């Protein structure tokens, strides 16, 4: 059986998209309980949604806005080590640093002093 093709217009209409309808209601009732949200979705948009679906949509929106800064590819914090050979050299230099300082704590203190 062939799959039905859906147009993008269907996704932007809350009368045809349950998740969008739930998101719209959650904007109006951010602290509403799942049963209240489901009742408003039924009244406003005509969708029968379960409490679990309301919780799922709430969780997904919270995951999208978790507050962590997004990493970009051109960030200065990216590692300058781009090949396996460079990693091997860095490991050797790290061993030399540990031998010279005597311990991980001393090496860390030295690196922090040099860094800033």
C-alpha atoms as a PDB file:
ATOM      1  CA  UNK A   1       0.000   0.000   0.000  1.00  0.00           C
ATOM      2  CA  UNK A   2       1.417   3.374  -0.985  1.00  0.00           C
ATOM      3  CA  UNK A   3       1.988   6.036   1.595  1.00  0.00           C
ATOM      4  CA  UNK A   4      -0.240   9.090   1.466  1.00  0.00           C
ATOM      5  CA  UNK A   5       1.532  12.332   0.777  1.00  0.00           C
ATOM      6  CA  UNK A   6       0.758  15.131   3.174  1.00  0.00           C
ATOM      7  CA  UNK A   7       1.269  18.766   2.423  1.00  0.00           C
ATOM      8  CA  UNK A   8       3.040  21.148   4.780  1.00  0.00           C
ATOM      9  CA  UNK A   9      -0.187  23.148   5.159  1.00  0.00           C
ATOM     10  CA  UNK A  10      -1.655  20.300   7.223  1.00  0.00           C
ATOM     11  CA  UNK A  11       1.115  20.716   9.827  1.00  0.00           C
ATOM     12  CA  UNK A  12       0.351  24.392  10.446  1.00  0.00           C
ATOM     13  CA  UNK A  13      -3.375  23.941  11.012  1.00  0.00           C
ATOM     14  CA  UNK A  14      -4.238  23.098  14.638  1.00  0.00           C
ATOM     15  CA  UNK A  15      -7.577  21.681  13.501  1.00  0.00           C
ATOM     16  CA  UNK A  16      -5.633  18.935  11.677  1.00  0.00           C
ATOM     17  CA  UNK A  17      -2.570  18.671  13.935  1.00  0.00           C
ATOM     18  CA  UNK A  18      -3.126  17.452  17.494  1.00  0.00           C
ATOM     19  CA  UNK A  19       0.345  18.352  18.751  1.00  0.00           C
ATOM     20  CA  UNK A  20       0.057  21.906  17.443  1.00  0.00           C
ATOM     21  CA  UNK A  21      -3.348  22.226  19.076  1.00  0.00           C
ATOM     22  CA  UNK A  22      -1.864  21.065  22.393  1.00  0.00           C
ATOM     23  CA  UNK A  23       1.046  23.535  22.053  1.00  0.00           C
ATOM     24  CA  UNK A  24      -1.409  26.380  21.385  1.00  0.00           C
ATOM     25  CA  UNK A  25      -3.441  25.492  24.468  1.00  0.00           C
ATOM     26  CA  UNK A  26      -0.278  25.150  26.577  1.00  0.00           C
ATOM     27  CA  UNK A  27       0.671  28.707  25.586  1.00  0.00           C
ATOM     28  CA  UNK A  28      -2.650  29.883  27.020  1.00  0.00           C
ATOM     29  CA  UNK A  29      -2.528  27.574  30.071  1.00  0.00           C
ATOM     30  CA  UNK A  30       1.167  27.023  30.881  1.00  0.00           C
ATOM     31  CA  UNK A  31       0.460  25.705  34.376  1.00  0.00           C
ATOM     32  CA  UNK A  32      -2.701  23.801  33.444  1.00  0.00           C
ATOM     33  CA  UNK A  33      -3.095  20.129  34.310  1.00  0.00           C
ATOM     34  CA  UNK A  34      -3.155  17.544  31.554  1.00  0.00           C
ATOM     35  CA  UNK A  35      -6.880  16.887  31.990  1.00  0.00           C
ATOM     36  CA  UNK A  36      -7.654  20.608  31.697  1.00  0.00           C
ATOM     37  CA  UNK A  37      -5.481  20.939  28.595  1.00  0.00           C
ATOM     38  CA  UNK A  38      -7.121  17.895  26.994  1.00  0.00           C
ATOM     39  CA  UNK A  39     -10.570  19.329  27.706  1.00  0.00           C
ATOM     40  CA  UNK A  40      -9.695  22.701  26.135  1.00  0.00           C
ATOM     41  CA  UNK A  41      -8.185  20.975  23.085  1.00  0.00           C
ATOM     42  CA  UNK A  42     -11.414  18.987  22.689  1.00  0.00           C
ATOM     43  CA  UNK A  43     -13.550  22.117  23.047  1.00  0.00           C
ATOM     44  CA  UNK A  44     -11.480  24.460  20.833  1.00  0.00           C
ATOM     45  CA  UNK A  45     -10.113  22.113  18.170  1.00  0.00           C
ATOM     46  CA  UNK A  46     -12.257  18.963  18.358  1.00  0.00           C
ATOM     47  CA  UNK A  47      -9.378  16.541  19.016  1.00  0.00           C
ATOM     48  CA  UNK A  48      -9.620  13.709  21.516  1.00  0.00           C
ATOM     49  CA  UNK A  49      -6.173  13.686  23.144  1.00  0.00           C
ATOM     50  CA  UNK A  50      -4.975  11.608  26.052  1.00  0.00           C
ATOM     51  CA  UNK A  51      -3.184  12.919  29.114  1.00  0.00           C
ATOM     52  CA  UNK A  52      -0.093  11.010  27.999  1.00  0.00           C
ATOM     53  CA  UNK A  53      -0.002  12.926  24.727  1.00  0.00           C
ATOM     54  CA  UNK A  54      -0.221  16.225  26.604  1.00  0.00           C
ATOM     55  CA  UNK A  55       2.676  15.153  28.840  1.00  0.00           C
ATOM     56  CA  UNK A  56       4.673  14.060  25.779  1.00  0.00           C
ATOM     57  CA  UNK A  57       4.220  17.430  24.054  1.00  0.00           C
ATOM     58  CA  UNK A  58       5.108  19.262  27.280  1.00  0.00           C
ATOM     59  CA  UNK A  59       8.264  17.184  27.667  1.00  0.00           C
ATOM     60  CA  UNK A  60       9.306  17.755  24.058  1.00  0.00           C
ATOM     61  CA  UNK A  61       8.927  21.526  24.414  1.00  0.00           C
ATOM     62  CA  UNK A  62      10.938  21.494  27.638  1.00  0.00           C
ATOM     63  CA  UNK A  63      13.652  19.450  25.947  1.00  0.00           C
ATOM     64  CA  UNK A  64      13.852  21.950  23.091  1.00  0.00           C
ATOM     65  CA  UNK A  65      14.285  24.846  25.512  1.00  0.00           C
ATOM     66  CA  UNK A  66      16.642  23.311  28.074  1.00  0.00           C
ATOM     67  CA  UNK A  67      18.650  26.522  28.501  1.00  0.00           C
ATOM     68  CA  UNK A  68      22.015  25.142  27.484  1.00  0.00           C
ATOM     69  CA  UNK A  69      23.942  27.263  25.000  1.00  0.00           C
ATOM     70  CA  UNK A  70      24.066  25.788  21.546  1.00  0.00           C
ATOM     71  CA  UNK A  71      27.465  24.870  20.100  1.00  0.00           C
ATOM     72  CA  UNK A  72      28.393  26.268  16.757  1.00  0.00           C
ATOM     73  CA  UNK A  73      30.904  24.701  14.410  1.00  0.00           C
ATOM     74  CA  UNK A  74      33.041  27.834  14.241  1.00  0.00           C
ATOM     75  CA  UNK A  75      33.395  28.146  18.003  1.00  0.00           C
ATOM     76  CA  UNK A  76      36.786  29.076  19.456  1.00  0.00           C
ATOM     77  CA  UNK A  77      36.473  26.269  22.012  1.00  0.00           C
ATOM     78  CA  UNK A  78      36.723  23.624  19.290  1.00  0.00           C
ATOM     79  CA  UNK A  79      39.765  21.405  19.587  1.00  0.00           C
ATOM     80  CA  UNK A  80      42.684  22.314  17.329  1.00  0.00           C
ATOM     81  CA  UNK A  81      43.542  18.609  17.241  1.00  0.00           C
ATOM     82  CA  UNK A  82      42.105  17.292  13.994  1.00  0.00           C
ATOM     83  CA  UNK A  83      43.992  14.061  13.309  1.00  0.00           C
ATOM     84  CA  UNK A  84      45.065  10.912  15.121  1.00  0.00           C
ATOM     85  CA  UNK A  85      48.734  11.896  14.848  1.00  0.00           C
ATOM     86  CA  UNK A  86      48.042  15.206  16.577  1.00  0.00           C
ATOM     87  CA  UNK A  87      46.232  13.360  19.392  1.00  0.00           C
ATOM     88  CA  UNK A  88      49.227  11.060  19.872  1.00  0.00           C
ATOM     89  CA  UNK A  89      51.558  14.053  20.073  1.00  0.00           C
ATOM     90  CA  UNK A  90      49.252  15.736  22.591  1.00  0.00           C
ATOM     91  CA  UNK A  91      49.206  12.591  24.748  1.00  0.00           C
ATOM     92  CA  UNK A  92      53.005  12.436  24.726  1.00  0.00           C
ATOM     93  CA  UNK A  93      53.240  16.096  25.725  1.00  0.00           C
ATOM     94  CA  UNK A  94      50.690  15.474  28.492  1.00  0.00           C
ATOM     95  CA  UNK A  95      52.806  12.596  29.840  1.00  0.00           C
ATOM     96  CA  UNK A  96      55.869  14.839  29.832  1.00  0.00           C
ATOM     97  CA  UNK A  97      53.913  17.481  31.750  1.00  0.00           C
ATOM     98  CA  UNK A  98      52.840  14.921  34.348  1.00  0.00           C
ATOM     99  CA  UNK A  99      56.433  13.697  34.775  1.00  0.00           C
ATOM    100  CA  UNK A 100      57.718  17.267  35.119  1.00  0.00           C
ATOM    101  CA  UNK A 101      55.095  18.350  37.674  1.00  0.00           C
ATOM    102  CA  UNK A 102      54.821  15.095  39.612  1.00  0.00           C
ATOM    103  CA  UNK A 103      51.039  14.839  39.893  1.00  0.00           C
ATOM    104  CA  UNK A 104      47.773  15.575  38.138  1.00  0.00           C
ATOM    105  CA  UNK A 105      46.911  18.233  40.719  1.00  0.00           C
ATOM    106  CA  UNK A 106      50.187  20.070  40.094  1.00  0.00           C
ATOM    107  CA  UNK A 107      49.772  19.781  36.321  1.00  0.00           C
ATOM    108  CA  UNK A 108      46.217  21.145  36.564  1.00  0.00           C
ATOM    109  CA  UNK A 109      47.347  24.046  38.758  1.00  0.00           C
ATOM    110  CA  UNK A 110      50.137  24.853  36.305  1.00  0.00           C
ATOM    111  CA  UNK A 111      47.777  24.779  33.319  1.00  0.00           C
ATOM    112  CA  UNK A 112      45.295  27.039  35.105  1.00  0.00           C
ATOM    113  CA  UNK A 113      48.087  29.499  35.940  1.00  0.00           C
ATOM    114  CA  UNK A 114      49.300  29.527  32.345  1.00  0.00           C
ATOM    115  CA  UNK A 115      45.788  29.808  30.874  1.00  0.00           C
ATOM    116  CA  UNK A 116      44.679  32.836  32.753  1.00  0.00           C
END
